[in-house]
Amino acid sequence: MPRGVGPVFLWARKMAASGAEPQILVQYLVLRKDLSQAPFSWPAGALVAQACHAATAALHIHRDHPHTAAYLQDLGRMRKVVLEAADESTLKELADTLQQKNIDHTLWLEQPENIATCIALRPYPKEEVNQYLKKYRLFK
């Protein structure tokens, strides 16, 4: 590979040469809904922070993956979808499924309590991961 030319550049050049449209990449987050309700009653800002922590961690951990690099190339076109999981056990079940299916993700644990709050996937074409996420609805 020529010096200074990374896998994202080569991937984009290959896509352009083939006439194919670049893939639309989405970063999915699954946030615990029960944290917004009694007995937890976390404020909206705290929940947003959990999603931000998880998203940032997933992007950092998977920064060398071509999809992540491509996702970060055009900040104005980033797509994120925030879904809700009913509770911690539902979130952990999803984490187990993603692990078994080799789907890159980060399970964010709030410290010092060690509470699982959010899962963030690295950016993926939605067709590759929607089968694991279709039962979750948009976070409200």
Protein backbone atom coordinates (compact mmCIF):
# COMPACT_ATOMS: atom_id res chain seq x y z
CA MET A 1 0.00 0.00 0.00
CA PRO A 2 1.44 3.43 -0.86
CA ARG A 3 2.62 5.47 2.10
CA GLY A 4 -0.14 7.67 3.56
CA VAL A 5 -2.92 5.77 1.79
CA GLY A 6 -5.19 4.03 4.25
CA PRO A 7 -7.84 1.34 3.86
CA VAL A 8 -10.66 3.92 3.83
CA PHE A 9 -9.14 5.76 0.89
CA LEU A 10 -8.66 2.50 -1.01
CA TRP A 11 -12.22 1.40 -0.15
CA ALA A 12 -13.65 4.73 -1.36
CA ARG A 13 -11.58 4.59 -4.54
CA LYS A 14 -12.80 1.03 -5.22
CA MET A 15 -16.43 2.10 -4.66
CA ALA A 16 -16.02 5.08 -6.99
CA ALA A 17 -14.36 2.97 -9.68
CA SER A 18 -17.17 0.43 -9.54
CA GLY A 19 -19.82 3.15 -9.84
CA ALA A 20 -21.40 1.89 -6.61
CA GLU A 21 -22.83 4.30 -4.11
CA PRO A 22 -20.98 4.38 -0.79
CA GLN A 23 -22.73 2.39 1.91
CA ILE A 24 -24.84 4.31 4.38
CA LEU A 25 -23.36 3.61 7.79
CA VAL A 26 -25.35 3.87 11.01
CA GLN A 27 -24.22 3.77 14.61
CA TYR A 28 -26.88 2.10 16.74
CA LEU A 29 -27.20 2.72 20.47
CA VAL A 30 -29.48 0.83 22.84
CA LEU A 31 -30.18 2.72 26.07
CA ARG A 32 -31.95 1.42 29.17
CA LYS A 33 -35.45 2.90 29.43
CA ASP A 34 -35.96 1.92 33.08
CA LEU A 35 -33.25 4.34 34.19
CA SER A 36 -35.61 7.23 33.34
CA GLN A 37 -38.36 5.79 35.54
CA ALA A 38 -38.84 5.16 39.28
CA PRO A 39 -37.04 3.90 41.28
CA PHE A 40 -34.04 5.23 39.31
CA SER A 41 -35.53 8.46 37.84
CA TRP A 42 -32.30 9.56 36.22
CA PRO A 43 -32.57 13.00 34.57
CA ALA A 44 -32.55 13.23 30.78
CA GLY A 45 -29.05 14.73 30.80
CA ALA A 46 -27.64 11.74 32.65
CA LEU A 47 -29.17 9.36 30.10
CA VAL A 48 -27.84 11.40 27.20
CA ALA A 49 -24.40 11.28 28.82
CA GLN A 50 -24.56 7.47 29.02
CA ALA A 51 -25.35 7.24 25.31
CA CYS A 52 -22.54 9.69 24.52
CA HIS A 53 -20.05 7.71 26.61
CA ALA A 54 -21.01 4.45 24.87
CA ALA A 55 -20.92 5.98 21.37
CA THR A 56 -17.55 7.64 21.96
CA ALA A 57 -16.07 4.46 23.42
CA ALA A 58 -17.29 2.32 20.50
CA LEU A 59 -15.89 4.78 17.95
CA HIS A 60 -12.56 4.91 19.76
CA ILE A 61 -12.21 1.16 20.26
CA HIS A 62 -13.07 0.45 16.62
CA ARG A 63 -11.34 3.53 15.16
CA ASP A 64 -9.18 1.41 12.84
CA HIS A 65 -12.12 -0.40 11.25
CA PRO A 66 -12.78 0.87 7.70
CA HIS A 67 -16.48 1.46 8.47
CA THR A 68 -15.63 3.63 11.47
CA ALA A 69 -13.07 5.61 9.52
CA ALA A 70 -15.53 6.13 6.66
CA TYR A 71 -18.26 7.16 9.13
CA LEU A 72 -15.97 9.81 10.61
CA GLN A 73 -14.85 11.13 7.21
CA ASP A 74 -18.01 13.19 6.74
CA LEU A 75 -19.21 14.42 10.13
CA GLY A 76 -22.23 16.16 8.62
CA ARG A 77 -23.64 12.85 7.38
CA MET A 78 -23.25 10.76 10.53
CA ARG A 79 -26.35 8.73 11.36
CA LYS A 80 -27.17 7.46 14.82
CA VAL A 81 -30.25 5.57 15.95
CA VAL A 82 -31.05 5.38 19.67
CA LEU A 83 -33.21 2.43 20.68
CA GLU A 84 -34.53 1.44 24.09
CA ALA A 85 -34.05 -1.69 26.16
CA ALA A 86 -36.55 -2.28 28.95
CA ASP A 87 -34.00 -2.97 31.68
CA GLU A 88 -30.49 -4.17 32.53
CA SER A 89 -31.18 -7.85 31.89
CA THR A 90 -32.56 -7.05 28.41
CA LEU A 91 -29.48 -4.95 27.67
CA LYS A 92 -27.13 -7.70 28.82
CA GLU A 93 -29.01 -10.31 26.77
CA LEU A 94 -28.49 -8.15 23.70
CA ALA A 95 -24.79 -7.78 24.56
CA ASP A 96 -24.50 -11.57 24.78
CA THR A 97 -26.22 -12.01 21.40
CA LEU A 98 -24.00 -9.41 19.76
CA GLN A 99 -20.94 -11.09 21.24
CA GLN A 100 -22.02 -14.51 19.94
CA LYS A 101 -22.66 -13.09 16.46
CA ASN A 102 -19.32 -11.22 16.39
CA ILE A 103 -20.98 -7.81 16.12
CA ASP A 104 -18.55 -5.12 17.31
CA HIS A 105 -20.04 -3.17 20.19
CA THR A 106 -19.34 -1.59 23.56
CA LEU A 107 -21.41 -2.21 26.67
CA TRP A 108 -21.04 0.95 28.75
CA LEU A 109 -20.83 0.39 32.50
CA GLU A 110 -21.39 3.47 34.65
CA GLN A 111 -18.82 3.70 37.43
CA PRO A 112 -18.35 3.35 40.31
CA GLU A 113 -21.68 1.51 40.53
CA ASN A 114 -20.81 -0.84 37.63
CA ILE A 115 -24.31 -0.42 36.14
CA ALA A 116 -24.81 -1.45 32.49
CA THR A 117 -26.52 1.55 30.89
CA CYS A 118 -26.05 1.51 27.11
CA ILE A 119 -24.74 -0.52 24.19
CA ALA A 120 -23.17 1.21 21.21
CA LEU A 121 -22.29 -0.63 18.03
CA ARG A 122 -19.50 0.60 15.81
CA PRO A 123 -20.87 2.04 12.56
CA TYR A 124 -22.40 -0.67 10.37
CA PRO A 125 -24.45 -0.85 7.20
CA LYS A 126 -27.94 -1.31 8.69
CA GLU A 127 -28.51 -4.49 6.67
CA GLU A 128 -25.72 -6.21 8.61
CA VAL A 129 -27.19 -5.63 12.08
CA ASN A 130 -30.91 -4.82 11.86
CA GLN A 131 -31.88 -8.46 12.47
CA TYR A 132 -30.43 -8.18 16.01
CA LEU A 133 -32.06 -4.82 16.74
CA LYS A 134 -35.48 -4.98 15.09
CA LYS A 135 -37.32 -5.87 18.30
CA TYR A 136 -36.15 -2.65 19.98
CA ARG A 137 -38.10 0.55 19.39
CA LEU A 138 -36.87 4.11 19.23
CA PHE A 139 -36.01 5.58 22.61
CA LYS A 140 -38.72 7.93 23.89
